[in-house]
Amino acid sequence: MLSNFAPKLFISQVHSLEKDTQWTESKPRYRFCSLVINRAWIQGTVIACESNSFYLDDGTDTIKVVLLPALLDKFSEANQKGRYLMVTGPIKEPAPGGERLIQCWKVSDLSSDPNRETQWLAEVMYLYKNNYSKDPS
């Protein structure tokens, strides 16, 4: 059954997701531990910007994040590099030879919180150990 939330994941976990047996181009689904998901919640530092996207690094890997048109004005290229952001959205398969990306539905700037990275690492590890890796039966 498809989970109705975006689990908190490290970027390396997003890249290592396996396609679910019911995966289709129109309805992508991925397997993560006991969950079937189609979106993710990630956090990290912006390391590069393009006109409608940016690259996020969380220390485990990097990923391209594509902004919805409604978010382009709020998060312009000029003011994002070096910022620490929280992003949620669907996981998208790349064109052949490319890497997975996140289509950003929601983005928040967490740069002002000095504990953001430490908290994020602890949250994701805690959830993996105590929730995600548990057998749902």
N, C-alpha and C. Protein backbone atom coordinates (compact mmCIF):
# COMPACT_ATOMS: atom_id res chain seq x y z
N MET A 1 0.84 -1.18 0.00
CA MET A 1 0.00 0.00 0.00
C MET A 1 0.88 1.25 0.00
N LEU A 2 0.54 2.21 -0.82
CA LEU A 2 1.31 3.44 -0.94
C LEU A 2 1.15 4.31 0.30
N SER A 3 2.27 4.73 0.88
CA SER A 3 2.24 5.61 2.06
C SER A 3 1.72 6.98 1.65
N ASN A 4 0.94 7.60 2.52
CA ASN A 4 0.37 8.91 2.19
C ASN A 4 1.16 10.05 2.82
N PHE A 5 2.43 9.85 3.09
CA PHE A 5 3.28 10.90 3.63
C PHE A 5 4.64 10.85 2.95
N ALA A 6 5.40 11.90 3.13
CA ALA A 6 6.76 11.96 2.58
C ALA A 6 7.74 11.60 3.70
N PRO A 7 8.32 10.41 3.67
CA PRO A 7 9.25 10.05 4.74
C PRO A 7 10.53 10.88 4.69
N LYS A 8 11.08 11.12 5.86
CA LYS A 8 12.35 11.85 5.96
C LYS A 8 13.46 10.90 5.55
N LEU A 9 14.21 11.28 4.51
CA LEU A 9 15.27 10.43 3.98
C LEU A 9 16.55 11.22 3.76
N PHE A 10 17.67 10.50 3.86
CA PHE A 10 18.93 11.07 3.40
C PHE A 10 18.92 11.01 1.88
N ILE A 11 19.65 11.89 1.24
CA ILE A 11 19.69 11.91 -0.22
C ILE A 11 20.24 10.59 -0.77
N SER A 12 21.21 10.01 -0.10
CA SER A 12 21.74 8.72 -0.56
C SER A 12 20.65 7.64 -0.55
N GLN A 13 19.72 7.72 0.40
CA GLN A 13 18.61 6.77 0.44
C GLN A 13 17.67 6.98 -0.75
N VAL A 14 17.45 8.22 -1.14
CA VAL A 14 16.60 8.50 -2.30
C VAL A 14 17.21 7.85 -3.54
N HIS A 15 18.51 8.01 -3.71
CA HIS A 15 19.17 7.44 -4.89
C HIS A 15 19.18 5.92 -4.88
N SER A 16 19.13 5.30 -3.70
CA SER A 16 19.20 3.84 -3.64
C SER A 16 17.84 3.15 -3.58
N LEU A 17 16.75 3.91 -3.68
CA LEU A 17 15.42 3.31 -3.65
C LEU A 17 15.23 2.34 -4.81
N GLU A 18 14.55 1.24 -4.52
CA GLU A 18 14.21 0.28 -5.57
C GLU A 18 12.80 0.55 -6.05
N LYS A 19 12.58 0.37 -7.35
CA LYS A 19 11.23 0.52 -7.89
C LYS A 19 10.34 -0.57 -7.33
N ASP A 20 9.12 -0.21 -6.97
CA ASP A 20 8.13 -1.16 -6.49
C ASP A 20 7.65 -2.02 -7.66
N THR A 21 7.12 -3.19 -7.35
CA THR A 21 6.64 -4.09 -8.41
C THR A 21 5.47 -3.49 -9.18
N GLN A 22 4.75 -2.54 -8.60
CA GLN A 22 3.62 -1.90 -9.28
C GLN A 22 4.01 -0.54 -9.87
N TRP A 23 5.31 -0.31 -10.04
CA TRP A 23 5.81 0.96 -10.59
C TRP A 23 5.42 1.09 -12.05
N THR A 24 4.94 2.27 -12.44
CA THR A 24 4.69 2.60 -13.85
C THR A 24 5.19 4.01 -14.09
N GLU A 25 5.35 4.38 -15.36
CA GLU A 25 5.79 5.74 -15.69
C GLU A 25 4.82 6.78 -15.14
N SER A 26 3.52 6.50 -15.22
CA SER A 26 2.52 7.48 -14.77
C SER A 26 2.31 7.46 -13.27
N LYS A 27 2.65 6.34 -12.61
CA LYS A 27 2.49 6.24 -11.16
C LYS A 27 3.73 5.60 -10.54
N PRO A 28 4.81 6.38 -10.44
CA PRO A 28 6.03 5.80 -9.87
C PRO A 28 5.86 5.48 -8.39
N ARG A 29 6.39 4.34 -8.00
CA ARG A 29 6.34 3.89 -6.61
C ARG A 29 7.69 3.24 -6.30
N TYR A 30 8.18 3.51 -5.10
CA TYR A 30 9.47 2.99 -4.69
C TYR A 30 9.33 2.26 -3.37
N ARG A 31 10.19 1.29 -3.16
CA ARG A 31 10.22 0.53 -1.93
C ARG A 31 11.33 1.06 -1.03
N PHE A 32 10.97 1.38 0.22
CA PHE A 32 11.95 1.79 1.22
C PHE A 32 11.60 1.07 2.51
N CYS A 33 12.43 0.10 2.88
CA CYS A 33 12.16 -0.75 4.05
C CYS A 33 10.77 -1.36 3.92
N SER A 34 9.89 -1.09 4.87
CA SER A 34 8.54 -1.65 4.81
C SER A 34 7.55 -0.72 4.14
N LEU A 35 8.03 0.39 3.60
CA LEU A 35 7.14 1.40 3.00
C LEU A 35 7.15 1.34 1.48
N VAL A 36 6.04 1.74 0.89
CA VAL A 36 5.97 2.01 -0.54
C VAL A 36 5.70 3.50 -0.64
N ILE A 37 6.60 4.23 -1.30
CA ILE A 37 6.53 5.69 -1.32
C ILE A 37 6.63 6.23 -2.74
N ASN A 38 6.23 7.48 -2.92
CA ASN A 38 6.43 8.16 -4.21
C ASN A 38 6.98 9.57 -4.01
N ARG A 39 7.22 9.95 -2.78
CA ARG A 39 7.77 11.28 -2.48
C ARG A 39 8.69 11.19 -1.28
N ALA A 40 9.42 12.27 -1.04
CA ALA A 40 10.38 12.27 0.07
C ALA A 40 10.50 13.67 0.68
N TRP A 41 10.97 13.69 1.91
CA TRP A 41 11.31 14.92 2.64
C TRP A 41 12.82 14.84 2.81
N ILE A 42 13.52 15.83 2.27
CA ILE A 42 14.97 15.88 2.38
C ILE A 42 15.40 17.25 2.88
N GLN A 43 16.62 17.34 3.39
CA GLN A 43 17.18 18.61 3.84
C GLN A 43 18.65 18.64 3.47
N GLY A 44 19.16 19.85 3.22
CA GLY A 44 20.57 19.99 2.93
C GLY A 44 20.93 21.40 2.50
N THR A 45 22.17 21.57 2.13
CA THR A 45 22.71 22.87 1.73
C THR A 45 22.71 23.00 0.22
N VAL A 46 22.27 24.15 -0.27
CA VAL A 46 22.27 24.42 -1.71
C VAL A 46 23.71 24.64 -2.14
N ILE A 47 24.16 23.85 -3.13
CA ILE A 47 25.55 23.96 -3.60
C ILE A 47 25.65 24.55 -5.00
N ALA A 48 24.54 24.57 -5.74
CA ALA A 48 24.54 25.15 -7.09
C ALA A 48 23.10 25.48 -7.47
N CYS A 49 22.94 26.50 -8.30
CA CYS A 49 21.61 26.93 -8.74
C CYS A 49 21.54 27.01 -10.25
N GLU A 50 20.37 26.73 -10.79
CA GLU A 50 20.05 26.92 -12.19
C GLU A 50 18.77 27.75 -12.24
N SER A 51 18.25 28.00 -13.43
CA SER A 51 17.10 28.89 -13.55
C SER A 51 15.85 28.38 -12.83
N ASN A 52 15.57 27.10 -12.88
CA ASN A 52 14.36 26.59 -12.22
C ASN A 52 14.68 25.41 -11.28
N SER A 53 15.95 25.29 -10.90
CA SER A 53 16.33 24.17 -10.04
C SER A 53 17.58 24.50 -9.24
N PHE A 54 17.89 23.63 -8.30
CA PHE A 54 19.13 23.76 -7.54
C PHE A 54 19.59 22.37 -7.11
N TYR A 55 20.82 22.29 -6.65
CA TYR A 55 21.39 21.03 -6.17
C TYR A 55 21.56 21.12 -4.67
N LEU A 56 21.09 20.08 -3.99
CA LEU A 56 21.12 20.02 -2.54
C LEU A 56 22.11 18.95 -2.10
N ASP A 57 22.90 19.24 -1.05
CA ASP A 57 23.89 18.32 -0.50
C ASP A 57 23.60 18.14 0.98
N ASP A 58 23.40 16.90 1.42
CA ASP A 58 23.15 16.65 2.85
C ASP A 58 24.30 15.93 3.54
N GLY A 59 25.43 15.79 2.83
CA GLY A 59 26.57 15.10 3.41
C GLY A 59 26.63 13.63 3.04
N THR A 60 25.50 13.06 2.58
CA THR A 60 25.50 11.67 2.14
C THR A 60 25.54 11.57 0.62
N ASP A 61 25.06 12.60 -0.06
CA ASP A 61 25.02 12.64 -1.53
C ASP A 61 24.42 13.98 -1.94
N THR A 62 24.29 14.18 -3.24
CA THR A 62 23.64 15.39 -3.76
C THR A 62 22.48 14.98 -4.66
N ILE A 63 21.53 15.92 -4.85
CA ILE A 63 20.38 15.65 -5.70
C ILE A 63 19.90 16.95 -6.33
N LYS A 64 19.38 16.84 -7.53
CA LYS A 64 18.78 17.99 -8.20
C LYS A 64 17.35 18.15 -7.72
N VAL A 65 16.96 19.39 -7.41
CA VAL A 65 15.61 19.71 -6.98
C VAL A 65 15.03 20.69 -8.00
N VAL A 66 13.93 20.31 -8.62
CA VAL A 66 13.28 21.15 -9.63
C VAL A 66 12.09 21.85 -8.97
N LEU A 67 12.07 23.18 -9.09
CA LEU A 67 11.01 23.98 -8.46
C LEU A 67 9.76 24.04 -9.31
N LEU A 68 8.60 23.98 -8.66
CA LEU A 68 7.35 24.25 -9.36
C LEU A 68 7.34 25.73 -9.73
N PRO A 69 6.67 26.11 -10.83
CA PRO A 69 6.64 27.52 -11.24
C PRO A 69 6.20 28.48 -10.13
N ALA A 70 5.27 28.06 -9.28
CA ALA A 70 4.78 28.93 -8.21
C ALA A 70 5.86 29.27 -7.18
N LEU A 71 6.93 28.48 -7.11
CA LEU A 71 7.99 28.70 -6.13
C LEU A 71 9.17 29.48 -6.69
N LEU A 72 9.20 29.71 -8.00
CA LEU A 72 10.37 30.34 -8.63
C LEU A 72 10.65 31.74 -8.11
N ASP A 73 9.62 32.56 -7.91
CA ASP A 73 9.84 33.93 -7.43
C ASP A 73 10.36 33.94 -6.00
N LYS A 74 9.82 33.07 -5.16
CA LYS A 74 10.20 33.05 -3.75
C LYS A 74 11.64 32.59 -3.56
N PHE A 75 12.08 31.63 -4.37
CA PHE A 75 13.41 31.07 -4.21
C PHE A 75 14.21 31.27 -5.48
N SER A 76 14.64 32.50 -5.66
CA SER A 76 15.40 32.85 -6.87
C SER A 76 16.85 32.39 -6.74
N GLU A 77 17.48 32.25 -7.87
CA GLU A 77 18.87 31.79 -7.95
C GLU A 77 19.83 32.65 -7.13
N ALA A 78 19.58 33.94 -7.11
CA ALA A 78 20.51 34.88 -6.49
C ALA A 78 20.67 34.70 -4.99
N ASN A 79 19.64 34.24 -4.30
CA ASN A 79 19.74 34.24 -2.84
C ASN A 79 19.72 32.85 -2.20
N GLN A 80 19.98 31.78 -2.95
CA GLN A 80 19.86 30.47 -2.35
C GLN A 80 21.16 29.70 -2.11
N LYS A 81 22.21 29.94 -2.87
CA LYS A 81 23.44 29.16 -2.70
C LYS A 81 23.97 29.33 -1.27
N GLY A 82 24.26 28.19 -0.63
CA GLY A 82 24.74 28.21 0.74
C GLY A 82 23.65 28.11 1.78
N ARG A 83 22.41 28.25 1.39
CA ARG A 83 21.30 28.15 2.34
C ARG A 83 21.01 26.68 2.68
N TYR A 84 20.48 26.47 3.88
CA TYR A 84 20.08 25.13 4.32
C TYR A 84 18.56 25.05 4.17
N LEU A 85 18.09 24.14 3.30
CA LEU A 85 16.67 24.08 2.97
C LEU A 85 16.05 22.73 3.31
N MET A 86 14.76 22.77 3.60
CA MET A 86 13.93 21.58 3.73
C MET A 86 13.08 21.53 2.47
N VAL A 87 13.03 20.35 1.82
CA VAL A 87 12.31 20.19 0.56
C VAL A 87 11.44 18.93 0.65
N THR A 88 10.20 19.04 0.20
CA THR A 88 9.36 17.84 0.05
C THR A 88 8.80 17.83 -1.37
N GLY A 89 8.60 16.63 -1.88
CA GLY A 89 8.01 16.50 -3.20
C GLY A 89 8.19 15.11 -3.76
N PRO A 90 7.59 14.87 -4.93
CA PRO A 90 7.68 13.55 -5.54
C PRO A 90 9.07 13.26 -6.08
N ILE A 91 9.42 11.99 -6.04
CA ILE A 91 10.68 11.50 -6.59
C ILE A 91 10.45 11.24 -8.07
N LYS A 92 11.32 11.77 -8.91
CA LYS A 92 11.18 11.63 -10.36
C LYS A 92 12.35 10.84 -10.94
N GLU A 93 12.03 10.00 -11.89
CA GLU A 93 13.05 9.24 -12.60
C GLU A 93 13.68 10.13 -13.65
N PRO A 94 14.96 9.99 -13.88
CA PRO A 94 15.66 10.84 -14.84
C PRO A 94 15.51 10.32 -16.27
N ALA A 95 15.95 11.14 -17.18
CA ALA A 95 16.12 10.67 -18.55
C ALA A 95 17.23 9.64 -18.53
N PRO A 96 17.30 8.78 -19.53
CA PRO A 96 18.37 7.77 -19.54
C PRO A 96 19.75 8.40 -19.33
N GLY A 97 20.51 7.80 -18.42
CA GLY A 97 21.85 8.30 -18.12
C GLY A 97 21.88 9.36 -17.04
N GLY A 98 20.73 9.81 -16.56
CA GLY A 98 20.68 10.84 -15.52
C GLY A 98 20.44 10.24 -14.15
N GLU A 99 20.28 11.11 -13.16
CA GLU A 99 20.02 10.67 -11.80
C GLU A 99 18.64 11.10 -11.37
N ARG A 100 18.12 10.42 -10.35
CA ARG A 100 16.82 10.80 -9.80
C ARG A 100 16.85 12.23 -9.32
N LEU A 101 15.65 12.83 -9.29
CA LEU A 101 15.52 14.18 -8.77
C LEU A 101 14.25 14.29 -7.96
N ILE A 102 14.12 15.42 -7.29
CA ILE A 102 12.92 15.72 -6.51
C ILE A 102 12.22 16.90 -7.18
N GLN A 103 10.93 16.75 -7.42
CA GLN A 103 10.13 17.88 -7.91
C GLN A 103 9.59 18.57 -6.66
N CYS A 104 10.03 19.77 -6.42
CA CYS A 104 9.76 20.46 -5.17
C CYS A 104 8.32 20.97 -5.09
N TRP A 105 7.58 20.45 -4.11
CA TRP A 105 6.24 20.95 -3.82
C TRP A 105 6.28 21.98 -2.70
N LYS A 106 7.19 21.77 -1.76
CA LYS A 106 7.30 22.66 -0.60
C LYS A 106 8.76 22.85 -0.28
N VAL A 107 9.14 24.09 0.03
CA VAL A 107 10.52 24.39 0.41
C VAL A 107 10.51 25.41 1.54
N SER A 108 11.36 25.19 2.53
CA SER A 108 11.49 26.12 3.65
C SER A 108 12.97 26.36 3.92
N ASP A 109 13.31 27.60 4.19
CA ASP A 109 14.69 27.96 4.52
C ASP A 109 14.90 27.79 6.02
N LEU A 110 15.77 26.87 6.39
CA LEU A 110 16.07 26.59 7.80
C LEU A 110 17.44 27.13 8.21
N SER A 111 18.00 28.01 7.40
CA SER A 111 19.37 28.50 7.61
C SER A 111 19.58 29.17 8.96
N SER A 112 18.55 29.77 9.53
CA SER A 112 18.73 30.51 10.78
C SER A 112 18.83 29.62 12.01
N ASP A 113 18.50 28.33 11.89
CA ASP A 113 18.55 27.41 13.03
C ASP A 113 19.96 26.80 13.12
N PRO A 114 20.72 27.12 14.16
CA PRO A 114 22.10 26.61 14.26
C PRO A 114 22.17 25.10 14.49
N ASN A 115 21.10 24.47 14.93
CA ASN A 115 21.10 23.03 15.22
C ASN A 115 20.49 22.19 14.10
N ARG A 116 20.19 22.80 12.99
CA ARG A 116 19.41 22.15 11.93
C ARG A 116 20.02 20.84 11.43
N GLU A 117 21.30 20.84 11.13
CA GLU A 117 21.91 19.63 10.57
C GLU A 117 22.00 18.50 11.59
N THR A 118 22.37 18.83 12.81
CA THR A 118 22.46 17.82 13.86
C THR A 118 21.08 17.21 14.13
N GLN A 119 20.07 18.05 14.22
CA GLN A 119 18.71 17.57 14.44
C GLN A 119 18.27 16.67 13.29
N TRP A 120 18.56 17.08 12.06
CA TRP A 120 18.15 16.31 10.88
C TRP A 120 18.79 14.92 10.90
N LEU A 121 20.08 14.85 11.14
CA LEU A 121 20.76 13.56 11.20
C LEU A 121 20.13 12.66 12.26
N ALA A 122 19.87 13.21 13.44
CA ALA A 122 19.29 12.43 14.52
C ALA A 122 17.86 11.97 14.17
N GLU A 123 17.07 12.86 13.59
CA GLU A 123 15.69 12.51 13.23
C GLU A 123 15.64 11.37 12.22
N VAL A 124 16.43 11.47 11.16
CA VAL A 124 16.39 10.45 10.11
C VAL A 124 16.89 9.12 10.65
N MET A 125 17.95 9.13 11.42
CA MET A 125 18.46 7.88 11.99
C MET A 125 17.46 7.26 12.96
N TYR A 126 16.82 8.09 13.79
CA TYR A 126 15.82 7.60 14.73
C TYR A 126 14.64 6.97 13.99
N LEU A 127 14.13 7.68 12.98
CA LEU A 127 12.99 7.15 12.22
C LEU A 127 13.34 5.85 11.51
N TYR A 128 14.54 5.78 10.95
CA TYR A 128 14.95 4.55 10.27
C TYR A 128 14.98 3.38 11.25
N LYS A 129 15.58 3.60 12.40
CA LYS A 129 15.73 2.54 13.39
C LYS A 129 14.40 2.13 14.03
N ASN A 130 13.55 3.12 14.35
CA ASN A 130 12.35 2.85 15.14
C ASN A 130 11.05 2.78 14.37
N ASN A 131 11.03 3.24 13.12
CA ASN A 131 9.78 3.25 12.37
C ASN A 131 9.88 2.58 11.00
N TYR A 132 10.79 3.08 10.18
CA TYR A 132 10.86 2.63 8.80
C TYR A 132 11.27 1.17 8.67
N SER A 133 12.21 0.73 9.50
CA SER A 133 12.72 -0.63 9.35
C SER A 133 11.89 -1.68 10.07
N LYS A 134 10.83 -1.27 10.74
CA LYS A 134 9.96 -2.21 11.45
C LYS A 134 9.02 -2.90 10.46
N ASP A 135 8.72 -4.14 10.72
CA ASP A 135 7.76 -4.89 9.91
C ASP A 135 6.36 -4.37 10.27
N PRO A 136 5.57 -3.92 9.28
CA PRO A 136 4.27 -3.33 9.57
C PRO A 136 3.22 -4.32 10.05
N SER A 137 3.48 -5.62 9.93
CA SER A 137 2.46 -6.60 10.32
C SER A 137 2.37 -6.81 11.81
